[in-house]
Amino acid sequence: MGTTAVVAPSVHLDAADVSRLSALGISVDGDAIGTTNRPPAGEGSHPLPDLAAAIDLGAERGALVVISDRGRDPRAWRGEGARWLAAATEASATASAVRPLALVVIPAASAPRPGPIAVLSPAESVSSYELYVGAALAAASGRRVEHVNGRGAQGSADQPSLPARAAARAAATQWRERGEPRPERSLHGFVSRPAAIVVPVPPGSADAANVIPAHPDADIVLIFDAAQARYSPAVARQVARMVEVAFGVETSLADQERVNSRARPAPATGRPTSTGPLGGIRASDVIHVRLTDTALELTNRTRHRVRLRIALGSAAEAGRVHAVFEARLEPGASHAEPTDPVADLAPPTRVLRPWSHGSAEVYEGGDRRILRVEASVLAADGRTHATHAYEPGNGLNFSATASDLKALLGSEAVRTFHLDAAPSRAVVPAPQDVFAAFESALTVGAGILAKYPS
């Protein structure tokens, strides 16, 4: 249960530190500990924190969490903290091309009190990884969560449209949220001092540099959004949302399968039904459609044979279909379908978007749009196992994620454009191991980042 952390060479952990971190779900890689006896205060010099080196170490060892140094002089954080955080942000961007984030734990300098897990959501963040890290710490330790949210609805754990956040809330014995424009400044208002503080560090932010010296009796968890540091807020937002979708899948599939096995209504008479069980859905599975200036780019990153029917039309006349394209894709296959039949509609334009560490190709504008996508999963004999129709949000890109595919394969009836039942809102259970579910979900984000040029 939990996750295993590697320890920076300059860190000195004693038995109490190891035990306390273990209670938070963070086990320590014993081979990485240089010594288990912390030198007494005032004896000798203690190395200054090197967060950047710690992040590089975590990437090298393939660990989600790396334990770094706090330093023995809190005044150093006030003077040098901003520079250390900037260097760590840069390290998160360059340590690995496919790591969505970097987690650094700075152990408490004195014994923490039995307080809550404080989770901060700064206004300048674009991801909400802190909710899942806080949930993992709370689930392992049995502590409540005090969430201080500076992002409004974007950062709230109470979003009914995101099962992942419902699962995060369920992992804590109690989850209380309040809005504050500067979350890091509200910690002094807690009734009891927090035992652990989860602090995202968006690129350019130095707020954590004040939190660390102000809370020597708390374990501090710093979260660096590597996707935002390496590319842009837009890419980081996309990756983070896909991670959340995958986390929701990880935490709900097993429970949903138990519900389906207990009671499943018989299909309506006269409807075609599924042709038998297929292989399971992986969290990284996705079917993707992109409209370029000359073609439809179709990708099937699943273990199933699929058929796609795509209706194209005009952005100005969303109800009128100009042409329908159909293609069958084998597992793992990609295909480009020329869009010559809609040549009269102005195509989107290729744009090369530069970011801090590279650039990527996107398509924008024009009048040509994807109006509908009908995705069918095919059985081994070629017959249709299940079908569902979707309406892409922006008309230029469409993705059916693992949660969509699970809902599709779990449905007995074949649905068409005209038979599109609204999904029911389910209660998402807390996962048994939040850290394991989160690490699995991060692999989806890694798969997305692997597509971008380094």
Protein backbone atom coordinates (compact mmCIF):
# COMPACT_ATOMS: atom_id res chain seq x y z
CA MET A 1 0.00 0.00 0.00
CA GLY A 2 1.12 3.56 -0.62
CA THR A 3 4.17 4.58 -2.60
CA THR A 4 7.91 4.15 -2.18
CA ALA A 5 10.06 7.28 -2.05
CA VAL A 6 13.73 7.69 -2.78
CA VAL A 7 15.82 9.86 -0.49
CA ALA A 8 18.27 12.55 -1.52
CA PRO A 9 21.82 11.82 -0.26
CA SER A 10 21.90 14.93 1.93
CA VAL A 11 18.79 13.94 3.89
CA HIS A 12 19.12 12.41 7.37
CA LEU A 13 16.06 10.46 8.51
CA ASP A 14 15.67 8.91 11.95
CA ALA A 15 13.31 6.10 12.92
CA ALA A 16 10.55 8.55 13.90
CA ASP A 17 10.71 10.18 10.46
CA VAL A 18 10.48 6.85 8.67
CA SER A 19 7.57 5.73 10.83
CA ARG A 20 5.68 9.01 10.41
CA LEU A 21 6.08 9.06 6.63
CA SER A 22 5.03 5.42 6.47
CA ALA A 23 1.82 6.34 8.29
CA LEU A 24 1.17 8.84 5.49
CA GLY A 25 1.51 6.10 2.88
CA ILE A 26 5.12 6.96 1.93
CA SER A 27 7.55 4.13 2.49
CA VAL A 28 11.25 4.93 2.36
CA ASP A 29 13.67 3.13 0.10
CA GLY A 30 16.13 1.91 2.73
CA ASP A 31 18.98 1.54 0.26
CA ALA A 32 18.83 5.28 -0.45
CA ILE A 33 19.23 6.40 3.17
CA GLY A 34 22.74 7.53 3.94
CA THR A 35 22.23 7.54 7.71
CA THR A 36 19.32 7.04 10.09
CA ASN A 37 20.58 9.40 12.77
CA ARG A 38 19.86 13.09 12.38
CA PRO A 39 22.70 15.24 13.76
CA PRO A 40 21.69 17.33 16.78
CA ALA A 41 20.80 20.97 16.15
CA GLY A 42 23.83 23.24 16.20
CA GLU A 43 26.35 20.52 15.49
CA GLY A 44 28.16 20.95 12.20
CA SER A 45 26.84 22.40 9.00
CA HIS A 46 23.79 21.04 7.25
CA PRO A 47 23.62 21.13 3.45
CA LEU A 48 21.22 23.62 1.98
CA PRO A 49 18.19 22.18 0.17
CA ASP A 50 18.79 21.16 -3.41
CA LEU A 51 15.30 20.55 -4.75
CA ALA A 52 16.47 20.43 -8.36
CA ALA A 53 18.91 17.60 -7.65
CA ALA A 54 16.19 15.76 -5.72
CA ILE A 55 13.82 15.97 -8.70
CA ASP A 56 16.52 14.67 -11.02
CA LEU A 57 17.10 11.77 -8.62
CA GLY A 58 13.40 10.90 -8.56
CA ALA A 59 13.26 10.86 -12.35
CA GLU A 60 16.40 8.74 -12.56
CA ARG A 61 15.03 6.18 -10.08
CA GLY A 62 11.50 6.22 -11.57
CA ALA A 63 9.95 7.14 -8.21
CA LEU A 64 6.81 9.21 -7.81
CA VAL A 65 8.08 10.75 -4.56
CA VAL A 66 11.55 11.95 -3.59
CA ILE A 67 12.47 13.15 -0.09
CA SER A 68 14.57 16.31 0.00
CA ASP A 69 16.21 18.59 2.53
CA ARG A 70 14.63 21.33 4.60
CA GLY A 71 17.86 22.90 5.78
CA ARG A 72 18.58 23.90 9.33
CA ASP A 73 18.19 27.65 9.03
CA PRO A 74 14.61 28.75 8.24
CA ARG A 75 15.84 32.23 7.31
CA ALA A 76 17.57 30.71 4.27
CA TRP A 77 14.17 29.83 2.79
CA ARG A 78 13.02 33.42 3.06
CA GLY A 79 16.13 34.65 1.33
CA GLU A 80 16.82 31.89 -1.19
CA GLY A 81 13.55 29.99 -1.41
CA ALA A 82 12.31 31.66 -4.58
CA ARG A 83 15.53 30.77 -6.37
CA TRP A 84 15.41 27.16 -5.15
CA LEU A 85 11.81 26.77 -6.29
CA ALA A 86 12.61 28.24 -9.71
CA ALA A 87 15.50 25.81 -10.14
CA ALA A 88 13.28 22.91 -9.09
CA THR A 89 10.61 23.99 -11.56
CA GLU A 90 13.20 23.98 -14.32
CA ALA A 91 14.40 20.56 -13.20
CA SER A 92 10.86 19.18 -13.36
CA ALA A 93 10.69 20.36 -16.96
CA THR A 94 13.99 18.82 -18.04
CA ALA A 95 14.34 15.70 -15.88
CA SER A 96 12.03 13.66 -18.10
CA ALA A 97 10.03 14.38 -21.24
CA VAL A 98 7.07 12.29 -20.12
CA ARG A 99 6.68 12.90 -16.38
CA PRO A 100 3.50 14.94 -15.77
CA LEU A 101 4.64 16.11 -12.32
CA ALA A 102 7.32 15.90 -9.67
CA LEU A 103 6.58 15.30 -5.98
CA VAL A 104 9.08 16.38 -3.32
CA VAL A 105 8.56 15.71 0.39
CA ILE A 106 10.35 17.91 2.91
CA PRO A 107 10.15 16.18 6.31
CA ALA A 108 9.17 18.07 9.43
CA ALA A 109 12.00 19.42 11.56
CA SER A 110 10.07 18.71 14.76
CA ALA A 111 7.34 16.24 15.67
CA PRO A 112 4.07 17.15 13.92
CA ARG A 113 0.91 17.52 15.95
CA PRO A 114 -2.11 15.28 15.26
CA GLY A 115 -3.67 17.80 12.91
CA PRO A 116 -5.26 17.55 9.46
CA ILE A 117 -3.84 17.25 5.98
CA ALA A 118 -3.84 20.79 4.57
CA VAL A 119 -4.30 20.93 0.79
CA LEU A 120 -3.69 24.25 -0.96
CA SER A 121 -4.96 25.09 -4.46
CA PRO A 122 -3.29 28.34 -5.60
CA ALA A 123 -5.11 30.51 -8.09
CA GLU A 124 -2.36 30.29 -10.71
CA SER A 125 -2.46 26.48 -10.91
CA VAL A 126 -4.02 24.81 -13.95
CA SER A 127 -4.03 21.24 -12.58
CA SER A 128 -5.51 19.73 -9.42
CA TYR A 129 -2.98 17.04 -8.58
CA GLU A 130 -2.91 18.29 -5.00
CA LEU A 131 -6.41 16.88 -4.40
CA TYR A 132 -5.26 13.33 -5.14
CA VAL A 133 -2.00 13.61 -3.24
CA GLY A 134 -3.89 14.99 -0.25
CA ALA A 135 -6.45 12.20 -0.56
CA ALA A 136 -3.68 9.60 -0.62
CA LEU A 137 -2.09 11.00 2.55
CA ALA A 138 -5.49 11.20 4.26
CA ALA A 139 -6.49 7.67 3.27
CA ALA A 140 -3.26 6.20 4.63
CA SER A 141 -3.19 8.20 7.86
CA GLY A 142 -6.90 8.38 8.64
CA ARG A 143 -6.71 12.17 8.95
CA ARG A 144 -9.22 14.70 7.71
CA VAL A 145 -8.50 17.09 4.84
CA GLU A 146 -8.71 20.87 5.09
CA HIS A 147 -8.77 22.12 1.51
CA VAL A 148 -8.04 25.81 0.97
CA ASN A 149 -9.12 26.57 -2.58
CA GLY A 150 -7.99 29.66 -4.46
CA ARG A 151 -9.22 28.47 -7.89
CA GLY A 152 -12.98 28.51 -7.35
CA ALA A 153 -14.96 25.83 -9.20
CA GLN A 154 -11.86 24.83 -11.22
CA GLY A 155 -10.06 23.70 -8.09
CA SER A 156 -13.00 22.42 -6.08
CA ALA A 157 -13.21 18.79 -5.02
CA ASP A 158 -16.98 19.02 -5.26
CA GLN A 159 -17.44 18.60 -9.01
CA PRO A 160 -20.20 16.10 -9.87
CA SER A 161 -18.94 15.83 -13.46
CA LEU A 162 -15.58 14.42 -12.29
CA PRO A 163 -15.85 11.02 -10.59
CA ALA A 164 -12.15 11.26 -9.74
CA ARG A 165 -12.78 14.12 -7.33
CA ALA A 166 -15.67 12.30 -5.68
CA ALA A 167 -13.30 9.39 -5.09
CA ALA A 168 -10.69 11.74 -3.64
CA ARG A 169 -13.22 13.18 -1.17
CA ALA A 170 -14.35 9.69 -0.21
CA ALA A 171 -10.78 8.70 0.68
CA ALA A 172 -10.65 11.10 3.64
CA THR A 173 -12.55 10.65 6.88
CA GLN A 174 -13.69 14.25 6.42
CA TRP A 175 -13.13 16.75 3.60
CA ARG A 176 -13.75 20.41 4.32
CA GLU A 177 -13.22 23.11 1.70
CA ARG A 178 -13.14 26.86 1.91
CA GLY A 179 -12.22 29.51 -0.61
CA GLU A 180 -9.28 31.86 -0.09
CA PRO A 181 -7.59 34.00 -2.75
CA ARG A 182 -4.15 33.32 -1.21
CA PRO A 183 -4.36 29.82 0.31
CA GLU A 184 -0.83 29.83 1.72
CA ARG A 185 -1.69 32.81 3.94
CA SER A 186 -4.67 31.11 5.58
CA LEU A 187 -2.85 28.28 7.35
CA HIS A 188 -2.51 30.31 10.55
CA GLY A 189 -6.31 30.34 10.78
CA PHE A 190 -6.60 26.57 11.23
CA VAL A 191 -8.00 25.44 14.58
CA SER A 192 -5.17 22.90 14.84
CA ARG A 193 -1.85 23.06 13.08
CA PRO A 194 -1.65 20.76 10.06
CA ALA A 195 0.38 17.57 10.25
CA ALA A 196 1.13 17.69 6.53
CA ILE A 197 0.75 20.42 3.91
CA VAL A 198 0.37 19.75 0.19
CA VAL A 199 1.57 22.78 -1.80
CA PRO A 200 1.54 23.03 -5.61
CA VAL A 201 4.32 25.19 -7.03
CA PRO A 202 3.16 26.63 -10.37
CA PRO A 203 5.94 28.01 -12.60
CA GLY A 204 7.01 31.40 -11.28
CA SER A 205 5.42 30.94 -7.85
CA ALA A 206 7.43 31.49 -4.67
CA ASP A 207 4.60 31.09 -2.13
CA ALA A 208 5.87 27.72 -0.86
CA ALA A 209 9.11 29.42 0.16
CA ASN A 210 7.15 31.09 2.97
CA VAL A 211 5.10 28.03 3.94
CA ILE A 212 8.15 25.83 4.61
CA PRO A 213 9.89 27.95 7.31
CA ALA A 214 6.54 28.83 8.89
CA HIS A 215 5.68 25.16 9.50
CA PRO A 216 8.69 23.27 10.87
CA ASP A 217 6.23 20.86 12.56
CA ALA A 218 4.62 19.67 9.32
CA ASP A 219 5.70 17.39 6.51
CA ILE A 220 5.58 19.51 3.36
CA VAL A 221 4.72 17.98 -0.03
CA LEU A 222 5.68 20.15 -3.00
CA ILE A 223 4.02 19.45 -6.37
CA PHE A 224 5.68 20.71 -9.54
CA ASP A 225 3.55 20.54 -12.69
CA ALA A 226 6.20 19.38 -15.15
CA ALA A 227 3.87 19.63 -18.15
CA GLN A 228 3.21 23.31 -17.48
CA ALA A 229 6.89 24.03 -16.87
CA ARG A 230 7.95 22.18 -20.02
CA TYR A 231 5.20 23.20 -22.43
CA SER A 232 2.34 25.54 -21.53
CA PRO A 233 -0.73 25.90 -19.31
CA ALA A 234 -2.90 24.59 -22.17
CA VAL A 235 -0.94 21.34 -22.44
CA ALA A 236 -0.77 20.96 -18.66
CA ARG A 237 -4.53 21.43 -18.39
CA GLN A 238 -5.16 18.77 -21.03
CA VAL A 239 -2.78 16.28 -19.41
CA ALA A 240 -4.19 16.90 -15.93
CA ARG A 241 -7.76 16.37 -17.09
CA MET A 242 -6.84 13.08 -18.75
CA VAL A 243 -5.11 11.98 -15.54
CA GLU A 244 -8.28 12.80 -13.63
CA VAL A 245 -10.37 10.79 -16.06
CA ALA A 246 -8.01 7.84 -15.67
CA PHE A 247 -8.10 8.15 -11.86
CA GLY A 248 -11.89 8.06 -11.98
CA VAL A 249 -11.72 4.91 -14.09
CA GLU A 250 -9.20 3.29 -11.75
CA THR A 251 -11.38 3.92 -8.71
CA SER A 252 -14.77 3.00 -10.17
CA LEU A 253 -14.30 0.06 -12.53
CA ALA A 254 -14.10 -2.65 -9.90
CA ASP A 255 -17.12 -1.35 -8.01
CA GLN A 256 -19.14 -0.90 -11.19
CA GLU A 257 -18.33 -4.45 -12.26
CA ARG A 258 -19.66 -5.74 -8.94
CA VAL A 259 -22.85 -3.74 -9.37
CA ASN A 260 -23.34 -4.99 -12.93
CA SER A 261 -22.77 -8.60 -11.89
CA ARG A 262 -25.41 -8.38 -9.15
CA ALA A 263 -28.22 -6.94 -11.24
CA ARG A 264 -28.33 -6.34 -14.96
CA PRO A 265 -31.65 -5.65 -16.73
CA ALA A 266 -32.52 -7.72 -19.78
CA PRO A 267 -32.15 -5.87 -23.09
CA ALA A 268 -35.29 -4.53 -24.69
CA THR A 269 -36.93 -6.79 -27.24
CA GLY A 270 -35.98 -6.01 -30.80
CA ARG A 271 -32.68 -4.28 -29.99
CA PRO A 272 -29.39 -5.77 -31.07
CA THR A 273 -27.33 -6.75 -28.05
CA SER A 274 -23.66 -7.27 -27.33
CA THR A 275 -22.15 -10.42 -28.77
CA GLY A 276 -20.26 -11.55 -25.69
CA PRO A 277 -17.48 -10.35 -23.40
CA LEU A 278 -14.40 -8.65 -24.78
CA GLY A 279 -11.05 -7.88 -23.19
CA GLY A 280 -10.80 -5.34 -20.42
CA ILE A 281 -10.14 -1.63 -20.80
CA ARG A 282 -6.79 -0.20 -19.74
CA ALA A 283 -6.59 3.26 -18.19
CA SER A 284 -4.43 4.37 -21.14
CA ASP A 285 -6.92 3.24 -23.83
CA VAL A 286 -8.24 5.98 -26.09
CA ILE A 287 -9.81 6.41 -29.52
CA HIS A 288 -8.82 9.74 -31.06
CA VAL A 289 -10.04 11.69 -34.10
CA ARG A 290 -8.36 14.88 -35.33
CA LEU A 291 -9.46 17.09 -38.20
CA THR A 292 -6.57 18.59 -40.17
CA ASP A 293 -6.57 20.76 -43.28
CA THR A 294 -6.60 17.72 -45.59
CA ALA A 295 -7.74 14.67 -43.66
CA LEU A 296 -9.31 13.00 -40.66
CA GLU A 297 -6.58 11.41 -38.54
CA LEU A 298 -7.97 8.36 -36.75
CA THR A 299 -6.15 6.52 -33.95
CA ASN A 300 -7.19 3.37 -32.10
CA ARG A 301 -5.05 2.94 -28.98
CA THR A 302 -7.10 0.04 -27.60
CA ARG A 303 -6.93 -3.74 -27.76
CA HIS A 304 -10.19 -3.91 -29.73
CA ARG A 305 -11.20 -3.66 -33.38
CA VAL A 306 -13.27 -0.53 -33.87
CA ARG A 307 -15.34 1.09 -36.59
CA LEU A 308 -15.66 4.86 -36.74
CA ARG A 309 -18.31 6.80 -38.63
CA ILE A 310 -17.63 10.54 -38.67
CA ALA A 311 -20.10 13.16 -39.86
CA LEU A 312 -18.54 16.38 -41.17
CA GLY A 313 -20.28 19.65 -41.75
CA SER A 314 -20.10 23.40 -41.31
CA ALA A 315 -19.56 25.29 -38.11
CA ALA A 316 -22.22 27.73 -39.28
CA GLU A 317 -24.78 24.95 -39.92
CA ALA A 318 -24.25 22.42 -37.17
CA GLY A 319 -27.42 20.52 -38.04
CA ARG A 320 -26.49 19.80 -41.66
CA VAL A 321 -24.23 16.85 -42.47
CA HIS A 322 -22.18 17.38 -45.65
CA ALA A 323 -20.42 13.99 -45.70
CA VAL A 324 -20.02 10.81 -43.63
CA PHE A 325 -16.71 8.93 -43.45
CA GLU A 326 -16.29 5.36 -42.25
CA ALA A 327 -13.16 3.39 -41.35
CA ARG A 328 -12.27 0.19 -39.51
CA LEU A 329 -9.19 0.17 -37.31
CA GLU A 330 -7.34 -2.79 -35.91
CA PRO A 331 -5.94 -2.61 -32.35
CA GLY A 332 -3.18 -0.02 -32.14
CA ALA A 333 -3.75 1.15 -35.72
CA SER A 334 -3.90 4.66 -37.18
CA HIS A 335 -5.46 5.87 -40.42
CA ALA A 336 -5.76 9.13 -42.36
CA GLU A 337 -9.01 9.62 -44.29
CA PRO A 338 -8.85 12.39 -46.96
CA THR A 339 -11.59 15.00 -46.61
CA ASP A 340 -11.94 15.85 -50.34
CA PRO A 341 -15.77 15.46 -50.28
CA VAL A 342 -16.03 18.56 -48.08
CA ALA A 343 -13.51 20.63 -50.02
CA ASP A 344 -16.11 23.40 -50.32
CA LEU A 345 -15.87 24.01 -46.56
CA ALA A 346 -12.92 26.10 -45.42
CA PRO A 347 -10.47 23.77 -43.59
CA PRO A 348 -8.77 24.54 -40.29
CA THR A 349 -5.31 26.06 -40.49
CA ARG A 350 -2.12 24.45 -39.26
CA VAL A 351 -0.48 26.49 -36.50
CA LEU A 352 2.87 25.78 -34.86
CA ARG A 353 2.54 26.77 -31.23
CA PRO A 354 5.89 27.57 -29.56
CA TRP A 355 6.28 26.78 -25.87
CA SER A 356 9.08 27.12 -23.39
CA HIS A 357 10.79 23.84 -24.34
CA GLY A 358 9.54 23.13 -27.84
CA SER A 359 6.57 23.49 -30.13
CA ALA A 360 3.64 21.44 -31.38
CA GLU A 361 1.31 21.45 -34.34
CA VAL A 362 -2.37 22.31 -33.83
CA TYR A 363 -5.24 23.11 -36.19
CA GLU A 364 -7.52 26.07 -35.65
CA GLY A 365 -10.18 28.14 -37.40
CA GLY A 366 -11.91 27.40 -40.69
CA ASP A 367 -15.51 26.33 -41.21
CA ARG A 368 -15.06 22.55 -41.51
CA ARG A 369 -16.07 20.66 -38.37
CA ILE A 370 -16.64 17.18 -36.96
CA LEU A 371 -20.35 17.09 -36.12
CA ARG A 372 -20.71 13.55 -34.76
CA VAL A 373 -18.59 10.48 -34.14
CA GLU A 374 -20.15 7.03 -33.95
CA ALA A 375 -17.72 4.58 -32.36
CA SER A 376 -18.40 0.85 -32.59
CA VAL A 377 -16.45 -1.94 -30.93
CA LEU A 378 -16.42 -5.07 -33.11
CA ALA A 379 -16.44 -8.70 -32.01
CA ALA A 380 -14.00 -11.25 -33.37
CA ASP A 381 -16.45 -12.27 -36.11
CA GLY A 382 -16.78 -8.66 -37.30
CA ARG A 383 -20.25 -8.12 -35.88
CA THR A 384 -20.98 -4.98 -33.87
CA HIS A 385 -20.54 -5.55 -30.15
CA ALA A 386 -21.57 -2.06 -29.00
CA THR A 387 -22.02 1.36 -30.55
CA HIS A 388 -22.35 4.88 -29.21
CA ALA A 389 -22.59 8.33 -30.78
CA TYR A 390 -20.74 11.38 -29.50
CA GLU A 391 -20.72 15.08 -30.29
CA PRO A 392 -17.18 16.56 -30.19
CA GLY A 393 -16.91 19.74 -28.18
CA ASN A 394 -14.88 21.95 -30.52
CA GLY A 395 -15.45 20.01 -33.75
CA LEU A 396 -11.71 19.69 -34.40
CA ASN A 397 -10.68 16.94 -31.97
CA PHE A 398 -12.46 14.03 -30.34
CA SER A 399 -11.30 11.44 -27.81
CA ALA A 400 -13.17 8.47 -26.32
CA THR A 401 -11.26 7.78 -23.12
CA ALA A 402 -11.09 4.66 -20.99
CA SER A 403 -14.15 5.69 -18.97
CA ASP A 404 -16.15 6.24 -22.17
CA LEU A 405 -15.07 2.85 -23.52
CA LYS A 406 -15.90 1.10 -20.27
CA ALA A 407 -19.38 2.62 -20.33
CA LEU A 408 -19.73 1.56 -23.95
CA LEU A 409 -18.67 -2.05 -23.40
CA GLY A 410 -20.67 -2.29 -20.20
CA SER A 411 -23.84 -1.37 -22.10
CA GLU A 412 -25.95 -4.25 -23.37
CA ALA A 413 -27.94 -2.31 -25.96
CA VAL A 414 -26.44 -0.86 -29.14
CA ARG A 415 -27.11 2.87 -29.15
CA THR A 416 -27.54 5.06 -32.20
CA PHE A 417 -27.57 8.80 -32.84
CA HIS A 418 -31.27 8.86 -31.97
CA LEU A 419 -31.07 6.63 -28.92
CA ASP A 420 -28.62 8.35 -26.61
CA ALA A 421 -29.57 7.81 -22.99
CA ALA A 422 -28.17 10.22 -20.42
CA PRO A 423 -25.64 8.58 -18.09
CA SER A 424 -26.71 8.12 -14.51
CA ARG A 425 -24.73 9.75 -11.76
CA ALA A 426 -23.00 7.06 -9.72
CA VAL A 427 -21.43 7.27 -6.29
CA VAL A 428 -17.72 6.70 -6.73
CA PRO A 429 -16.07 4.67 -3.97
CA ALA A 430 -12.75 5.50 -2.40
CA PRO A 431 -9.95 3.31 -3.79
CA GLN A 432 -8.20 0.96 -1.42
CA ASP A 433 -4.82 2.42 -2.38
CA VAL A 434 -5.07 6.01 -3.57
CA PHE A 435 -1.35 6.31 -4.29
CA ALA A 436 -1.42 3.22 -6.52
CA ALA A 437 -4.48 4.52 -8.39
CA PHE A 438 -2.86 7.92 -8.82
CA GLU A 439 0.42 6.48 -10.10
CA SER A 440 -1.51 4.35 -12.59
CA ALA A 441 -3.48 7.38 -13.78
CA LEU A 442 -0.27 9.36 -14.28
CA THR A 443 0.81 6.85 -16.92
CA VAL A 444 -2.02 8.20 -19.08
CA GLY A 445 -0.55 11.68 -18.79
CA ALA A 446 2.86 10.27 -19.64
CA GLY A 447 1.40 8.73 -22.80
CA ILE A 448 0.02 12.09 -23.89
CA LEU A 449 3.30 13.91 -23.24
CA ALA A 450 5.17 11.29 -25.26
CA LYS A 451 3.42 12.66 -28.36
CA TYR A 452 4.88 16.13 -27.94
CA PRO A 453 8.32 17.01 -29.30
CA SER A 454 10.98 17.38 -26.66
